[in-house]
mmCIF file of all heavy atoms, coordinates in Angstrom:
data_MODEL
# 
_entry.id   MODEL 
# 
loop_
_atom_site.group_PDB 
_atom_site.id 
_atom_site.type_symbol 
_atom_site.label_atom_id 
_atom_site.label_alt_id 
_atom_site.label_comp_id 
_atom_site.label_asym_id 
_atom_site.label_entity_id 
_atom_site.label_seq_id 
_atom_site.pdbx_PDB_ins_code 
_atom_site.Cartn_x 
_atom_site.Cartn_y 
_atom_site.Cartn_z 
_atom_site.occupancy 
_atom_site.B_iso_or_equiv 
_atom_site.pdbx_formal_charge 
_atom_site.auth_seq_id 
_atom_site.auth_comp_id 
_atom_site.auth_asym_id 
_atom_site.auth_atom_id 
_atom_site.pdbx_PDB_model_num 
ATOM 1   N N   . ASN A 1 1  ? 104.217 108.405 105.115 1.00 0.00 ? 1  ASN A N   1 
ATOM 2   C CA  . ASN A 1 1  ? 103.763 109.644 104.484 1.00 0.00 ? 1  ASN A CA  1 
ATOM 3   C C   . ASN A 1 1  ? 102.604 109.335 103.543 1.00 0.00 ? 1  ASN A C   1 
ATOM 4   O O   . ASN A 1 1  ? 102.718 108.467 102.673 1.00 0.00 ? 1  ASN A O   1 
ATOM 5   C CB  . ASN A 1 1  ? 104.914 110.287 103.696 1.00 0.00 ? 1  ASN A CB  1 
ATOM 6   C CG  . ASN A 1 1  ? 104.618 111.697 103.247 1.00 0.00 ? 1  ASN A CG  1 
ATOM 7   O OD1 . ASN A 1 1  ? 103.479 112.061 102.978 1.00 0.00 ? 1  ASN A OD1 1 
ATOM 8   N ND2 . ASN A 1 1  ? 105.665 112.509 103.152 1.00 0.00 ? 1  ASN A ND2 1 
ATOM 9   N N   . ALA A 1 2  ? 101.498 110.026 103.700 1.00 0.00 ? 2  ALA A N   1 
ATOM 10  C CA  . ALA A 1 2  ? 100.340 109.812 102.822 1.00 0.00 ? 2  ALA A CA  1 
ATOM 11  C C   . ALA A 1 2  ? 100.667 110.118 101.368 1.00 0.00 ? 2  ALA A C   1 
ATOM 12  O O   . ALA A 1 2  ? 100.040 109.567 100.449 1.00 0.00 ? 2  ALA A O   1 
ATOM 13  C CB  . ALA A 1 2  ? 99.171  110.678 103.289 1.00 0.00 ? 2  ALA A CB  1 
ATOM 14  N N   . GLN A 1 3  ? 101.659 110.978 101.130 1.00 0.00 ? 3  GLN A N   1 
ATOM 15  C CA  . GLN A 1 3  ? 102.002 111.373 99.762  1.00 0.00 ? 3  GLN A CA  1 
ATOM 16  C C   . GLN A 1 3  ? 102.703 110.275 98.975  1.00 0.00 ? 3  GLN A C   1 
ATOM 17  O O   . GLN A 1 3  ? 102.847 110.372 97.760  1.00 0.00 ? 3  GLN A O   1 
ATOM 18  C CB  . GLN A 1 3  ? 102.885 112.629 99.795  1.00 0.00 ? 3  GLN A CB  1 
ATOM 19  C CG  . GLN A 1 3  ? 102.183 113.856 100.350 1.00 0.00 ? 3  GLN A CG  1 
ATOM 20  C CD  . GLN A 1 3  ? 100.900 114.173 99.610  1.00 0.00 ? 3  GLN A CD  1 
ATOM 21  O OE1 . GLN A 1 3  ? 100.895 114.317 98.391  1.00 0.00 ? 3  GLN A OE1 1 
ATOM 22  N NE2 . GLN A 1 3  ? 99.795  114.283 100.339 1.00 0.00 ? 3  GLN A NE2 1 
ATOM 23  N N   . PHE A 1 4  ? 103.164 109.210 99.667  1.00 0.00 ? 4  PHE A N   1 
ATOM 24  C CA  . PHE A 1 4  ? 103.801 108.101 98.951  1.00 0.00 ? 4  PHE A CA  1 
ATOM 25  C C   . PHE A 1 4  ? 102.880 107.512 97.882  1.00 0.00 ? 4  PHE A C   1 
ATOM 26  O O   . PHE A 1 4  ? 103.346 106.984 96.878  1.00 0.00 ? 4  PHE A O   1 
ATOM 27  C CB  . PHE A 1 4  ? 104.165 106.977 99.931  1.00 0.00 ? 4  PHE A CB  1 
ATOM 28  C CG  . PHE A 1 4  ? 105.388 107.242 100.765 1.00 0.00 ? 4  PHE A CG  1 
ATOM 29  C CD1 . PHE A 1 4  ? 105.526 106.653 102.012 1.00 0.00 ? 4  PHE A CD1 1 
ATOM 30  C CD2 . PHE A 1 4  ? 106.408 108.056 100.303 1.00 0.00 ? 4  PHE A CD2 1 
ATOM 31  C CE1 . PHE A 1 4  ? 106.653 106.875 102.788 1.00 0.00 ? 4  PHE A CE1 1 
ATOM 32  C CE2 . PHE A 1 4  ? 107.545 108.299 101.078 1.00 0.00 ? 4  PHE A CE2 1 
ATOM 33  C CZ  . PHE A 1 4  ? 107.662 107.696 102.320 1.00 0.00 ? 4  PHE A CZ  1 
ATOM 34  N N   . PHE A 1 5  ? 101.578 107.580 98.112  1.00 0.00 ? 5  PHE A N   1 
ATOM 35  C CA  . PHE A 1 5  ? 100.627 106.894 97.242  1.00 0.00 ? 5  PHE A CA  1 
ATOM 36  C C   . PHE A 1 5  ? 100.191 107.721 96.035  1.00 0.00 ? 5  PHE A C   1 
ATOM 37  O O   . PHE A 1 5  ? 99.635  107.174 95.078  1.00 0.00 ? 5  PHE A O   1 
ATOM 38  C CB  . PHE A 1 5  ? 99.379  106.502 98.036  1.00 0.00 ? 5  PHE A CB  1 
ATOM 39  C CG  . PHE A 1 5  ? 99.655  105.596 99.210  1.00 0.00 ? 5  PHE A CG  1 
ATOM 40  C CD1 . PHE A 1 5  ? 98.803  105.569 100.302 1.00 0.00 ? 5  PHE A CD1 1 
ATOM 41  C CD2 . PHE A 1 5  ? 100.763 104.773 99.229  1.00 0.00 ? 5  PHE A CD2 1 
ATOM 42  C CE1 . PHE A 1 5  ? 99.038  104.734 101.384 1.00 0.00 ? 5  PHE A CE1 1 
ATOM 43  C CE2 . PHE A 1 5  ? 101.021 103.934 100.300 1.00 0.00 ? 5  PHE A CE2 1 
ATOM 44  C CZ  . PHE A 1 5  ? 100.157 103.916 101.381 1.00 0.00 ? 5  PHE A CZ  1 
ATOM 45  N N   . VAL A 1 6  ? 100.439 109.001 96.075  1.00 0.00 ? 6  VAL A N   1 
ATOM 46  C CA  . VAL A 1 6  ? 99.932  109.903 95.036  1.00 0.00 ? 6  VAL A CA  1 
ATOM 47  C C   . VAL A 1 6  ? 100.600 109.594 93.696  1.00 0.00 ? 6  VAL A C   1 
ATOM 48  O O   . VAL A 1 6  ? 101.834 109.536 93.589  1.00 0.00 ? 6  VAL A O   1 
ATOM 49  C CB  . VAL A 1 6  ? 100.164 111.371 95.432  1.00 0.00 ? 6  VAL A CB  1 
ATOM 50  C CG1 . VAL A 1 6  ? 99.717  112.305 94.303  1.00 0.00 ? 6  VAL A CG1 1 
ATOM 51  C CG2 . VAL A 1 6  ? 99.416  111.688 96.726  1.00 0.00 ? 6  VAL A CG2 1 
ATOM 52  N N   . ASN A 1 7  ? 99.769  109.357 92.681  1.00 0.00 ? 7  ASN A N   1 
ATOM 53  C CA  . ASN A 1 7  ? 100.219 109.077 91.308  1.00 0.00 ? 7  ASN A CA  1 
ATOM 54  C C   . ASN A 1 7  ? 100.992 107.769 91.178  1.00 0.00 ? 7  ASN A C   1 
ATOM 55  O O   . ASN A 1 7  ? 101.787 107.607 90.245  1.00 0.00 ? 7  ASN A O   1 
ATOM 56  C CB  . ASN A 1 7  ? 101.064 110.239 90.758  1.00 0.00 ? 7  ASN A CB  1 
ATOM 57  C CG  . ASN A 1 7  ? 100.270 111.511 90.615  1.00 0.00 ? 7  ASN A CG  1 
ATOM 58  O OD1 . ASN A 1 7  ? 99.086  111.492 90.268  1.00 0.00 ? 7  ASN A OD1 1 
ATOM 59  N ND2 . ASN A 1 7  ? 100.893 112.640 90.916  1.00 0.00 ? 7  ASN A ND2 1 
ATOM 60  N N   . HIS A 1 8  ? 100.727 106.833 92.070  1.00 0.00 ? 8  HIS A N   1 
ATOM 61  C CA  . HIS A 1 8  ? 101.380 105.532 91.994  1.00 0.00 ? 8  HIS A CA  1 
ATOM 62  C C   . HIS A 1 8  ? 100.390 104.437 91.574  1.00 0.00 ? 8  HIS A C   1 
ATOM 63  O O   . HIS A 1 8  ? 99.188  104.673 91.457  1.00 0.00 ? 8  HIS A O   1 
ATOM 64  C CB  . HIS A 1 8  ? 102.042 105.190 93.326  1.00 0.00 ? 8  HIS A CB  1 
ATOM 65  C CG  . HIS A 1 8  ? 103.382 105.839 93.496  1.00 0.00 ? 8  HIS A CG  1 
ATOM 66  N ND1 . HIS A 1 8  ? 104.566 105.212 93.191  1.00 0.00 ? 8  HIS A ND1 1 
ATOM 67  C CD2 . HIS A 1 8  ? 103.726 107.082 93.923  1.00 0.00 ? 8  HIS A CD2 1 
ATOM 68  C CE1 . HIS A 1 8  ? 105.571 106.023 93.415  1.00 0.00 ? 8  HIS A CE1 1 
ATOM 69  N NE2 . HIS A 1 8  ? 105.089 107.177 93.875  1.00 0.00 ? 8  HIS A NE2 1 
ATOM 70  N N   . ASN A 1 9  ? 100.960 103.247 91.372  1.00 0.00 ? 9  ASN A N   1 
ATOM 71  C CA  . ASN A 1 9  ? 100.201 102.098 90.889  1.00 0.00 ? 9  ASN A CA  1 
ATOM 72  C C   . ASN A 1 9  ? 99.822  101.180 92.050  1.00 0.00 ? 9  ASN A C   1 
ATOM 73  O O   . ASN A 1 9  ? 100.603 100.995 92.985  1.00 0.00 ? 9  ASN A O   1 
ATOM 74  C CB  . ASN A 1 9  ? 101.068 101.335 89.877  1.00 0.00 ? 9  ASN A CB  1 
ATOM 75  C CG  . ASN A 1 9  ? 100.358 100.142 89.276  1.00 0.00 ? 9  ASN A CG  1 
ATOM 76  O OD1 . ASN A 1 9  ? 99.137  100.114 89.162  1.00 0.00 ? 9  ASN A OD1 1 
ATOM 77  N ND2 . ASN A 1 9  ? 101.124 99.141  88.867  1.00 0.00 ? 9  ASN A ND2 1 
ATOM 78  N N   . TYR A 1 10 ? 98.633  100.606 91.984  1.00 0.00 ? 10 TYR A N   1 
ATOM 79  C CA  . TYR A 1 10 ? 98.179  99.640  92.979  1.00 0.00 ? 10 TYR A CA  1 
ATOM 80  C C   . TYR A 1 10 ? 97.787  98.367  92.240  1.00 0.00 ? 10 TYR A C   1 
ATOM 81  O O   . TYR A 1 10 ? 97.044  98.408  91.262  1.00 0.00 ? 10 TYR A O   1 
ATOM 82  C CB  . TYR A 1 10 ? 96.958  100.176 93.731  1.00 0.00 ? 10 TYR A CB  1 
ATOM 83  C CG  . TYR A 1 10 ? 96.734  99.562  95.091  1.00 0.00 ? 10 TYR A CG  1 
ATOM 84  C CD1 . TYR A 1 10 ? 97.019  100.280 96.250  1.00 0.00 ? 10 TYR A CD1 1 
ATOM 85  C CD2 . TYR A 1 10 ? 96.222  98.272  95.243  1.00 0.00 ? 10 TYR A CD2 1 
ATOM 86  C CE1 . TYR A 1 10 ? 96.814  99.733  97.512  1.00 0.00 ? 10 TYR A CE1 1 
ATOM 87  C CE2 . TYR A 1 10 ? 96.022  97.716  96.496  1.00 0.00 ? 10 TYR A CE2 1 
ATOM 88  C CZ  . TYR A 1 10 ? 96.310  98.458  97.627  1.00 0.00 ? 10 TYR A CZ  1 
ATOM 89  O OH  . TYR A 1 10 ? 96.107  97.900  98.876  1.00 0.00 ? 10 TYR A OH  1 
ATOM 90  N N   . ILE A 1 11 ? 98.315  97.251  92.686  1.00 0.00 ? 11 ILE A N   1 
ATOM 91  C CA  . ILE A 1 11 ? 97.989  95.977  92.047  1.00 0.00 ? 11 ILE A CA  1 
ATOM 92  C C   . ILE A 1 11 ? 96.912  95.272  92.858  1.00 0.00 ? 11 ILE A C   1 
ATOM 93  O O   . ILE A 1 11 ? 97.055  95.078  94.072  1.00 0.00 ? 11 ILE A O   1 
ATOM 94  C CB  . ILE A 1 11 ? 99.233  95.075  91.939  1.00 0.00 ? 11 ILE A CB  1 
ATOM 95  C CG1 . ILE A 1 11 ? 100.311 95.768  91.095  1.00 0.00 ? 11 ILE A CG1 1 
ATOM 96  C CG2 . ILE A 1 11 ? 98.870  93.729  91.322  1.00 0.00 ? 11 ILE A CG2 1 
ATOM 97  C CD1 . ILE A 1 11 ? 101.623 95.025  91.030  1.00 0.00 ? 11 ILE A CD1 1 
ATOM 98  N N   . LEU A 1 12 ? 95.822  94.913  92.195  1.00 0.00 ? 12 LEU A N   1 
ATOM 99  C CA  . LEU A 1 12 ? 94.749  94.132  92.806  1.00 0.00 ? 12 LEU A CA  1 
ATOM 100 C C   . LEU A 1 12 ? 94.703  92.757  92.145  1.00 0.00 ? 12 LEU A C   1 
ATOM 101 O O   . LEU A 1 12 ? 94.888  92.642  90.936  1.00 0.00 ? 12 LEU A O   1 
ATOM 102 C CB  . LEU A 1 12 ? 93.387  94.813  92.619  1.00 0.00 ? 12 LEU A CB  1 
ATOM 103 C CG  . LEU A 1 12 ? 92.997  95.935  93.583  1.00 0.00 ? 12 LEU A CG  1 
ATOM 104 C CD1 . LEU A 1 12 ? 91.599  96.443  93.230  1.00 0.00 ? 12 LEU A CD1 1 
ATOM 105 C CD2 . LEU A 1 12 ? 93.039  95.480  95.032  1.00 0.00 ? 12 LEU A CD2 1 
ATOM 106 N N   . ILE A 1 13 ? 94.440  91.750  92.961  1.00 0.00 ? 13 ILE A N   1 
ATOM 107 C CA  . ILE A 1 13 ? 94.342  90.387  92.430  1.00 0.00 ? 13 ILE A CA  1 
ATOM 108 C C   . ILE A 1 13 ? 92.977  89.814  92.804  1.00 0.00 ? 13 ILE A C   1 
ATOM 109 O O   . ILE A 1 13 ? 92.807  89.193  93.857  1.00 0.00 ? 13 ILE A O   1 
ATOM 110 C CB  . ILE A 1 13 ? 95.492  89.521  92.974  1.00 0.00 ? 13 ILE A CB  1 
ATOM 111 C CG1 . ILE A 1 13 ? 96.826  90.163  92.580  1.00 0.00 ? 13 ILE A CG1 1 
ATOM 112 C CG2 . ILE A 1 13 ? 95.386  88.101  92.436  1.00 0.00 ? 13 ILE A CG2 1 
ATOM 113 C CD1 . ILE A 1 13 ? 98.041  89.459  93.106  1.00 0.00 ? 13 ILE A CD1 1 
ATOM 114 N N   . PRO A 1 14 ? 91.981  90.065  91.972  1.00 0.00 ? 14 PRO A N   1 
ATOM 115 C CA  . PRO A 1 14 ? 90.643  89.544  92.267  1.00 0.00 ? 14 PRO A CA  1 
ATOM 116 C C   . PRO A 1 14 ? 90.626  88.017  92.229  1.00 0.00 ? 14 PRO A C   1 
ATOM 117 O O   . PRO A 1 14 ? 91.278  87.390  91.391  1.00 0.00 ? 14 PRO A O   1 
ATOM 118 C CB  . PRO A 1 14 ? 89.781  90.129  91.135  1.00 0.00 ? 14 PRO A CB  1 
ATOM 119 C CG  . PRO A 1 14 ? 90.579  91.257  90.566  1.00 0.00 ? 14 PRO A CG  1 
ATOM 120 C CD  . PRO A 1 14 ? 92.005  90.850  90.734  1.00 0.00 ? 14 PRO A CD  1 
ATOM 121 N N   . ARG A 1 15 ? 89.864  87.431  93.146  1.00 0.00 ? 15 ARG A N   1 
ATOM 122 C CA  . ARG A 1 15 ? 89.642  85.988  93.154  1.00 0.00 ? 15 ARG A CA  1 
ATOM 123 C C   . ARG A 1 15 ? 88.164  85.731  92.896  1.00 0.00 ? 15 ARG A C   1 
ATOM 124 O O   . ARG A 1 15 ? 87.320  86.607  93.125  1.00 0.00 ? 15 ARG A O   1 
ATOM 125 C CB  . ARG A 1 15 ? 90.065  85.389  94.494  1.00 0.00 ? 15 ARG A CB  1 
ATOM 126 C CG  . ARG A 1 15 ? 91.550  85.581  94.794  1.00 0.00 ? 15 ARG A CG  1 
ATOM 127 C CD  . ARG A 1 15 ? 91.929  84.938  96.133  1.00 0.00 ? 15 ARG A CD  1 
ATOM 128 N NE  . ARG A 1 15 ? 91.205  85.530  97.236  1.00 0.00 ? 15 ARG A NE  1 
ATOM 129 C CZ  . ARG A 1 15 ? 90.664  84.847  98.252  1.00 0.00 ? 15 ARG A CZ  1 
ATOM 130 N NH1 . ARG A 1 15 ? 90.736  83.519  98.263  1.00 0.00 ? 15 ARG A NH1 1 
ATOM 131 N NH2 . ARG A 1 15 ? 90.041  85.479  99.233  1.00 0.00 ? 15 ARG A NH2 1 
ATOM 132 N N   . GLU A 1 16 ? 87.845  84.544  92.435  1.00 0.00 ? 16 GLU A N   1 
ATOM 133 C CA  . GLU A 1 16 ? 86.456  84.227  92.101  1.00 0.00 ? 16 GLU A CA  1 
ATOM 134 C C   . GLU A 1 16 ? 85.527  84.394  93.292  1.00 0.00 ? 16 GLU A C   1 
ATOM 135 O O   . GLU A 1 16 ? 84.347  84.714  93.136  1.00 0.00 ? 16 GLU A O   1 
ATOM 136 C CB  . GLU A 1 16 ? 86.358  82.801  91.555  1.00 0.00 ? 16 GLU A CB  1 
ATOM 137 C CG  . GLU A 1 16 ? 86.966  82.629  90.168  1.00 0.00 ? 16 GLU A CG  1 
ATOM 138 C CD  . GLU A 1 16 ? 86.780  81.221  89.634  1.00 0.00 ? 16 GLU A CD  1 
ATOM 139 O OE1 . GLU A 1 16 ? 86.120  80.409  90.327  1.00 0.00 ? 16 GLU A OE1 1 
ATOM 140 O OE2 . GLU A 1 16 ? 87.280  80.933  88.533  1.00 0.00 ? 16 GLU A OE2 1 
ATOM 141 N N   . CYS A 1 17 ? 86.050  84.182  94.500  1.00 0.00 ? 17 CYS A N   1 
ATOM 142 C CA  . CYS A 1 17 ? 85.207  84.272  95.691  1.00 0.00 ? 17 CYS A CA  1 
ATOM 143 C C   . CYS A 1 17 ? 84.979  85.709  96.163  1.00 0.00 ? 17 CYS A C   1 
ATOM 144 O O   . CYS A 1 17 ? 84.120  85.955  97.011  1.00 0.00 ? 17 CYS A O   1 
ATOM 145 C CB  . CYS A 1 17 ? 85.813  83.450  96.834  1.00 0.00 ? 17 CYS A CB  1 
ATOM 146 S SG  . CYS A 1 17 ? 87.449  84.007  97.336  1.00 0.00 ? 17 CYS A SG  1 
ATOM 147 N N   . ASN A 1 18 ? 85.748  86.664  95.632  1.00 0.00 ? 18 ASN A N   1 
ATOM 148 C CA  . ASN A 1 18 ? 85.558  88.054  96.038  1.00 0.00 ? 18 ASN A CA  1 
ATOM 149 C C   . ASN A 1 18 ? 84.229  88.594  95.535  1.00 0.00 ? 18 ASN A C   1 
ATOM 150 O O   . ASN A 1 18 ? 83.834  88.351  94.387  1.00 0.00 ? 18 ASN A O   1 
ATOM 151 C CB  . ASN A 1 18 ? 86.681  88.947  95.496  1.00 0.00 ? 18 ASN A CB  1 
ATOM 152 C CG  . ASN A 1 18 ? 88.024  88.693  96.132  1.00 0.00 ? 18 ASN A CG  1 
ATOM 153 O OD1 . ASN A 1 18 ? 89.041  88.685  95.441  1.00 0.00 ? 18 ASN A OD1 1 
ATOM 154 N ND2 . ASN A 1 18 ? 88.075  88.491  97.430  1.00 0.00 ? 18 ASN A ND2 1 
ATOM 155 N N   . LYS A 1 19 ? 83.533  89.331  96.373  1.00 0.00 ? 19 LYS A N   1 
ATOM 156 C CA  . LYS A 1 19 ? 82.272  89.940  95.974  1.00 0.00 ? 19 LYS A CA  1 
ATOM 157 C C   . LYS A 1 19 ? 82.531  91.125  95.055  1.00 0.00 ? 19 LYS A C   1 
ATOM 158 O O   . LYS A 1 19 ? 83.427  91.941  95.316  1.00 0.00 ? 19 LYS A O   1 
ATOM 159 C CB  . LYS A 1 19 ? 81.495  90.391  97.206  1.00 0.00 ? 19 LYS A CB  1 
ATOM 160 C CG  . LYS A 1 19 ? 81.053  89.250  98.103  1.00 0.00 ? 19 LYS A CG  1 
ATOM 161 C CD  . LYS A 1 19 ? 80.257  89.770  99.285  1.00 0.00 ? 19 LYS A CD  1 
ATOM 162 C CE  . LYS A 1 19 ? 79.788  88.613  100.179 1.00 0.00 ? 19 LYS A CE  1 
ATOM 163 N NZ  . LYS A 1 19 ? 79.033  89.100  101.365 1.00 0.00 ? 19 LYS A NZ  1 
ATOM 164 N N   . ALA A 1 20 ? 81.738  91.236  94.018  1.00 0.00 ? 20 ALA A N   1 
ATOM 165 C CA  . ALA A 1 20 ? 81.929  92.304  93.035  1.00 0.00 ? 20 ALA A CA  1 
ATOM 166 C C   . ALA A 1 20 ? 81.841  93.679  93.676  1.00 0.00 ? 20 ALA A C   1 
ATOM 167 O O   . ALA A 1 20 ? 82.629  94.581  93.348  1.00 0.00 ? 20 ALA A O   1 
ATOM 168 C CB  . ALA A 1 20 ? 80.893  92.174  91.921  1.00 0.00 ? 20 ALA A CB  1 
ATOM 169 N N   . GLU A 1 21 ? 80.909  93.841  94.609  1.00 0.00 ? 21 GLU A N   1 
ATOM 170 C CA  . GLU A 1 21 ? 80.753  95.153  95.250  1.00 0.00 ? 21 GLU A CA  1 
ATOM 171 C C   . GLU A 1 21 ? 81.945  95.505  96.134  1.00 0.00 ? 21 GLU A C   1 
ATOM 172 O O   . GLU A 1 21 ? 82.300  96.676  96.290  1.00 0.00 ? 21 GLU A O   1 
ATOM 173 C CB  . GLU A 1 21 ? 79.454  95.215  96.060  1.00 0.00 ? 21 GLU A CB  1 
ATOM 174 C CG  . GLU A 1 21 ? 79.343  94.217  97.209  1.00 0.00 ? 21 GLU A CG  1 
ATOM 175 C CD  . GLU A 1 21 ? 78.682  92.907  96.806  1.00 0.00 ? 21 GLU A CD  1 
ATOM 176 O OE1 . GLU A 1 21 ? 78.774  92.541  95.607  1.00 0.00 ? 21 GLU A OE1 1 
ATOM 177 O OE2 . GLU A 1 21 ? 78.078  92.269  97.692  1.00 0.00 ? 21 GLU A OE2 1 
ATOM 178 N N   . ASN A 1 22 ? 82.597  94.475  96.704  1.00 0.00 ? 22 ASN A N   1 
ATOM 179 C CA  . ASN A 1 22 ? 83.776  94.736  97.530  1.00 0.00 ? 22 ASN A CA  1 
ATOM 180 C C   . ASN A 1 22 ? 84.986  95.101  96.683  1.00 0.00 ? 22 ASN A C   1 
ATOM 181 O O   . ASN A 1 22 ? 85.802  95.952  97.068  1.00 0.00 ? 22 ASN A O   1 
ATOM 182 C CB  . ASN A 1 22 ? 84.084  93.529  98.410  1.00 0.00 ? 22 ASN A CB  1 
ATOM 183 C CG  . ASN A 1 22 ? 83.060  93.333  99.511  1.00 0.00 ? 22 ASN A CG  1 
ATOM 184 O OD1 . ASN A 1 22 ? 82.303  94.240  99.831  1.00 0.00 ? 22 ASN A OD1 1 
ATOM 185 N ND2 . ASN A 1 22 ? 83.038  92.155  100.095 1.00 0.00 ? 22 ASN A ND2 1 
ATOM 186 N N   . LEU A 1 23 ? 85.105  94.469  95.529  1.00 0.00 ? 23 LEU A N   1 
ATOM 187 C CA  . LEU A 1 23 ? 86.171  94.845  94.607  1.00 0.00 ? 23 LEU A CA  1 
ATOM 188 C C   . LEU A 1 23 ? 85.988  96.276  94.121  1.00 0.00 ? 23 LEU A C   1 
ATOM 189 O O   . LEU A 1 23 ? 86.953  97.047  94.035  1.00 0.00 ? 23 LEU A O   1 
ATOM 190 C CB  . LEU A 1 23 ? 86.204  93.889  93.416  1.00 0.00 ? 23 LEU A CB  1 
ATOM 191 C CG  . LEU A 1 23 ? 86.723  92.479  93.697  1.00 0.00 ? 23 LEU A CG  1 
ATOM 192 C CD1 . LEU A 1 23 ? 86.431  91.560  92.508  1.00 0.00 ? 23 LEU A CD1 1 
ATOM 193 C CD2 . LEU A 1 23 ? 88.220  92.490  93.998  1.00 0.00 ? 23 LEU A CD2 1 
ATOM 194 N N   . GLU A 1 24 ? 84.758  96.638  93.828  1.00 0.00 ? 24 GLU A N   1 
ATOM 195 C CA  . GLU A 1 24 ? 84.487  98.003  93.387  1.00 0.00 ? 24 GLU A CA  1 
ATOM 196 C C   . GLU A 1 24 ? 84.767  98.999  94.515  1.00 0.00 ? 24 GLU A C   1 
ATOM 197 O O   . GLU A 1 24 ? 85.288  100.092 94.280  1.00 0.00 ? 24 GLU A O   1 
ATOM 198 C CB  . GLU A 1 24 ? 83.037  98.128  92.916  1.00 0.00 ? 24 GLU A CB  1 
ATOM 199 C CG  . GLU A 1 24 ? 82.707  99.472  92.275  1.00 0.00 ? 24 GLU A CG  1 
ATOM 200 C CD  . GLU A 1 24 ? 83.639  99.809  91.120  1.00 0.00 ? 24 GLU A CD  1 
ATOM 201 O OE1 . GLU A 1 24 ? 83.995  98.910  90.346  1.00 0.00 ? 24 GLU A OE1 1 
ATOM 202 O OE2 . GLU A 1 24 ? 84.010  100.999 91.008  1.00 0.00 ? 24 GLU A OE2 1 
ATOM 203 N N   . PHE A 1 25 ? 84.443  98.599  95.749  1.00 0.00 ? 25 PHE A N   1 
ATOM 204 C CA  . PHE A 1 25 ? 84.748  99.442  96.903  1.00 0.00 ? 25 PHE A CA  1 
ATOM 205 C C   . PHE A 1 25 ? 86.258  99.667  97.006  1.00 0.00 ? 25 PHE A C   1 
ATOM 206 O O   . PHE A 1 25 ? 86.721  100.795 97.235  1.00 0.00 ? 25 PHE A O   1 
ATOM 207 C CB  . PHE A 1 25 ? 84.239  98.798  98.191  1.00 0.00 ? 25 PHE A CB  1 
ATOM 208 C CG  . PHE A 1 25 ? 84.794  99.438  99.435  1.00 0.00 ? 25 PHE A CG  1 
ATOM 209 C CD1 . PHE A 1 25 ? 84.211  100.568 99.964  1.00 0.00 ? 25 PHE A CD1 1 
ATOM 210 C CD2 . PHE A 1 25 ? 85.928  98.915  100.055 1.00 0.00 ? 25 PHE A CD2 1 
ATOM 211 C CE1 . PHE A 1 25 ? 84.746  101.186 101.100 1.00 0.00 ? 25 PHE A CE1 1 
ATOM 212 C CE2 . PHE A 1 25 ? 86.464  99.513  101.179 1.00 0.00 ? 25 PHE A CE2 1 
ATOM 213 C CZ  . PHE A 1 25 ? 85.874  100.648 101.703 1.00 0.00 ? 25 PHE A CZ  1 
ATOM 214 N N   . MET A 1 26 ? 87.048  98.600  96.842  1.00 0.00 ? 26 MET A N   1 
ATOM 215 C CA  . MET A 1 26 ? 88.498  98.730  96.935  1.00 0.00 ? 26 MET A CA  1 
ATOM 216 C C   . MET A 1 26 ? 89.036  99.664  95.856  1.00 0.00 ? 26 MET A C   1 
ATOM 217 O O   . MET A 1 26 ? 89.941  100.468 96.108  1.00 0.00 ? 26 MET A O   1 
ATOM 218 C CB  . MET A 1 26 ? 89.164  97.361  96.828  1.00 0.00 ? 26 MET A CB  1 
ATOM 219 C CG  . MET A 1 26 ? 89.114  96.546  98.106  1.00 0.00 ? 26 MET A CG  1 
ATOM 220 S SD  . MET A 1 26 ? 89.969  97.312  99.510  1.00 0.00 ? 26 MET A SD  1 
ATOM 221 C CE  . MET A 1 26 ? 91.663  97.371  98.910  1.00 0.00 ? 26 MET A CE  1 
# 
């Protein structure tokens, strides 16, 4: 269900090798 995500938390774990623009996209 797409509604599972509404008003919930998402954890991101940036790594040094990740591109800044890709993190911003995510």
